[in-house]
N, C-alpha and C. Protein backbone atom coordinates (compact mmCIF):
# COMPACT_ATOMS: atom_id res chain seq x y z
N MET A 1 187.36 207.89 30.87
CA MET A 1 188.63 207.40 30.35
C MET A 1 188.78 208.01 28.94
N ALA A 2 189.89 208.50 28.61
CA ALA A 2 190.09 209.10 27.32
C ALA A 2 191.46 208.59 26.70
N LEU A 3 191.48 208.17 25.50
CA LEU A 3 192.68 207.64 24.83
C LEU A 3 192.83 208.22 23.44
N CYS A 4 194.04 208.53 23.12
CA CYS A 4 194.38 208.93 21.72
C CYS A 4 195.43 207.97 21.22
N ARG A 5 195.39 207.80 19.89
CA ARG A 5 196.48 206.98 19.26
C ARG A 5 197.80 207.57 19.64
N ALA A 6 198.83 206.70 19.66
CA ALA A 6 200.18 207.16 20.07
C ALA A 6 200.79 208.15 19.09
N ASP A 7 200.41 208.08 17.77
CA ASP A 7 201.01 208.95 16.90
C ASP A 7 200.18 210.29 16.71
N VAL A 8 199.21 210.52 17.47
CA VAL A 8 198.42 211.76 17.44
C VAL A 8 199.08 212.83 18.32
N LYS A 9 199.28 214.00 17.77
CA LYS A 9 199.86 215.13 18.43
C LYS A 9 198.89 215.54 19.52
N LEU A 10 199.38 216.18 20.63
CA LEU A 10 198.62 216.61 21.80
C LEU A 10 197.50 217.53 21.36
N ASP A 11 197.72 218.54 20.54
CA ASP A 11 196.62 219.45 20.16
C ASP A 11 195.57 218.76 19.35
N VAL A 12 195.92 217.84 18.50
CA VAL A 12 194.92 217.05 17.76
C VAL A 12 194.14 216.16 18.68
N CYS A 13 194.85 215.54 19.56
CA CYS A 13 194.19 214.65 20.61
C CYS A 13 193.20 215.45 21.40
N SER A 14 193.60 216.59 21.89
CA SER A 14 192.70 217.47 22.74
C SER A 14 191.45 217.91 21.93
N SER A 15 191.67 218.31 20.71
CA SER A 15 190.56 218.71 19.84
C SER A 15 189.63 217.57 19.57
N CYS A 16 190.21 216.41 19.27
CA CYS A 16 189.39 215.20 19.09
C CYS A 16 188.56 214.82 20.27
N LEU A 17 189.14 214.92 21.47
CA LEU A 17 188.35 214.58 22.68
C LEU A 17 187.35 215.58 22.91
N ASN A 18 187.57 216.86 22.76
CA ASN A 18 186.53 217.90 22.91
C ASN A 18 185.44 217.68 21.93
N GLU A 19 185.69 217.38 20.72
CA GLU A 19 184.58 217.12 19.76
C GLU A 19 183.81 215.86 20.13
N THR A 20 184.51 214.81 20.60
CA THR A 20 183.86 213.63 20.97
C THR A 20 183.00 213.81 22.21
N ILE A 21 183.42 214.60 23.12
CA ILE A 21 182.62 214.86 24.34
C ILE A 21 181.35 215.65 23.94
N SER A 22 181.49 216.62 23.01
CA SER A 22 180.36 217.38 22.59
C SER A 22 179.29 216.49 21.89
N ARG A 23 179.84 215.64 21.06
CA ARG A 23 178.98 214.69 20.26
C ARG A 23 178.22 213.77 21.20
N VAL A 24 178.91 213.20 22.17
CA VAL A 24 178.35 212.21 23.11
C VAL A 24 177.29 212.94 23.97
N LYS A 25 177.50 214.13 24.38
CA LYS A 25 176.57 214.95 25.16
C LYS A 25 175.30 215.18 24.37
N LEU A 26 175.49 215.46 23.07
CA LEU A 26 174.24 215.66 22.22
C LEU A 26 173.47 214.41 21.96
N ASP A 27 174.23 213.31 21.69
CA ASP A 27 173.60 212.03 21.26
C ASP A 27 173.06 211.29 22.42
N CYS A 28 173.66 211.46 23.62
CA CYS A 28 173.33 210.65 24.81
C CYS A 28 173.11 211.50 26.02
N PRO A 29 172.25 212.59 25.92
CA PRO A 29 172.18 213.53 27.04
C PRO A 29 171.82 212.99 28.41
N SER A 30 171.05 211.95 28.50
CA SER A 30 170.66 211.44 29.83
C SER A 30 171.23 210.15 30.16
N ASN A 31 172.19 209.56 29.38
CA ASN A 31 172.80 208.33 29.69
C ASN A 31 173.81 208.46 30.81
N LYS A 32 173.94 207.44 31.60
CA LYS A 32 174.90 207.39 32.75
C LYS A 32 176.24 206.82 32.25
N GLU A 33 176.22 206.20 31.08
CA GLU A 33 177.47 205.82 30.52
C GLU A 33 177.36 205.86 29.01
N ALA A 34 178.53 206.09 28.39
CA ALA A 34 178.54 206.22 26.96
C ALA A 34 179.98 206.04 26.41
N ILE A 35 180.10 205.63 25.17
CA ILE A 35 181.37 205.53 24.52
C ILE A 35 181.31 206.29 23.23
N GLY A 36 182.36 207.11 22.95
CA GLY A 36 182.47 207.82 21.74
C GLY A 36 183.83 207.62 21.12
N TRP A 37 183.90 207.57 19.80
CA TRP A 37 185.27 207.40 19.20
C TRP A 37 185.28 208.05 17.84
N SER A 38 186.54 208.24 17.42
CA SER A 38 186.74 208.68 16.03
C SER A 38 188.06 208.00 15.61
N ALA A 39 188.58 208.42 14.45
CA ALA A 39 189.86 207.82 13.99
C ALA A 39 190.99 208.03 14.92
N ASP A 40 190.99 209.17 15.66
CA ASP A 40 192.13 209.56 16.45
C ASP A 40 192.02 209.37 17.97
N CYS A 41 190.74 209.20 18.52
CA CYS A 41 190.56 209.13 19.91
C CYS A 41 189.34 208.36 20.30
N THR A 42 189.33 207.89 21.57
CA THR A 42 188.26 207.13 22.18
C THR A 42 187.96 207.71 23.55
N LEU A 43 186.67 207.83 23.81
CA LEU A 43 186.24 208.34 25.13
C LEU A 43 185.17 207.41 25.74
N ARG A 44 185.30 207.13 27.00
CA ARG A 44 184.33 206.36 27.72
C ARG A 44 184.01 207.06 28.99
N TYR A 45 182.75 207.26 29.37
CA TYR A 45 182.41 207.75 30.69
C TYR A 45 181.34 206.84 31.26
N SER A 46 181.29 206.79 32.56
CA SER A 46 180.31 205.90 33.28
C SER A 46 180.17 206.42 34.74
N ASN A 47 179.06 206.15 35.28
CA ASN A 47 178.88 206.45 36.75
C ASN A 47 179.41 205.26 37.58
N THR A 48 179.93 204.19 36.90
CA THR A 48 180.52 203.06 37.58
C THR A 48 182.02 203.24 37.71
N ASN A 49 182.53 202.93 38.89
CA ASN A 49 183.92 203.07 39.14
C ASN A 49 184.67 201.98 38.28
N LEU A 50 185.48 202.46 37.34
CA LEU A 50 186.18 201.57 36.43
C LEU A 50 187.12 200.57 37.13
N SER A 51 187.64 200.90 38.27
CA SER A 51 188.51 200.02 38.98
C SER A 51 187.73 198.84 39.63
N GLU A 52 186.43 198.97 39.81
CA GLU A 52 185.61 197.89 40.31
C GLU A 52 185.13 196.92 39.35
N ILE A 53 185.19 197.25 38.04
CA ILE A 53 184.71 196.37 37.01
C ILE A 53 185.61 195.12 36.97
N GLY A 54 184.98 193.91 36.96
CA GLY A 54 185.74 192.69 36.90
C GLY A 54 186.19 192.16 38.24
N ASN A 55 185.88 192.84 39.24
CA ASN A 55 186.26 192.33 40.55
C ASN A 55 185.17 191.46 41.19
């Protein structure tokens, strides 16, 4: 799941997410889930189906 603030332009959002993905891959190379964020964007990945959480 990837989110950017509503006031962030598409190119800035894309760049933010790419940088966050790279940072998470370096910091958490073997994790099955991680969360990364900055001032403009948030990224979460997991091997758990997000639609099943809370059911």
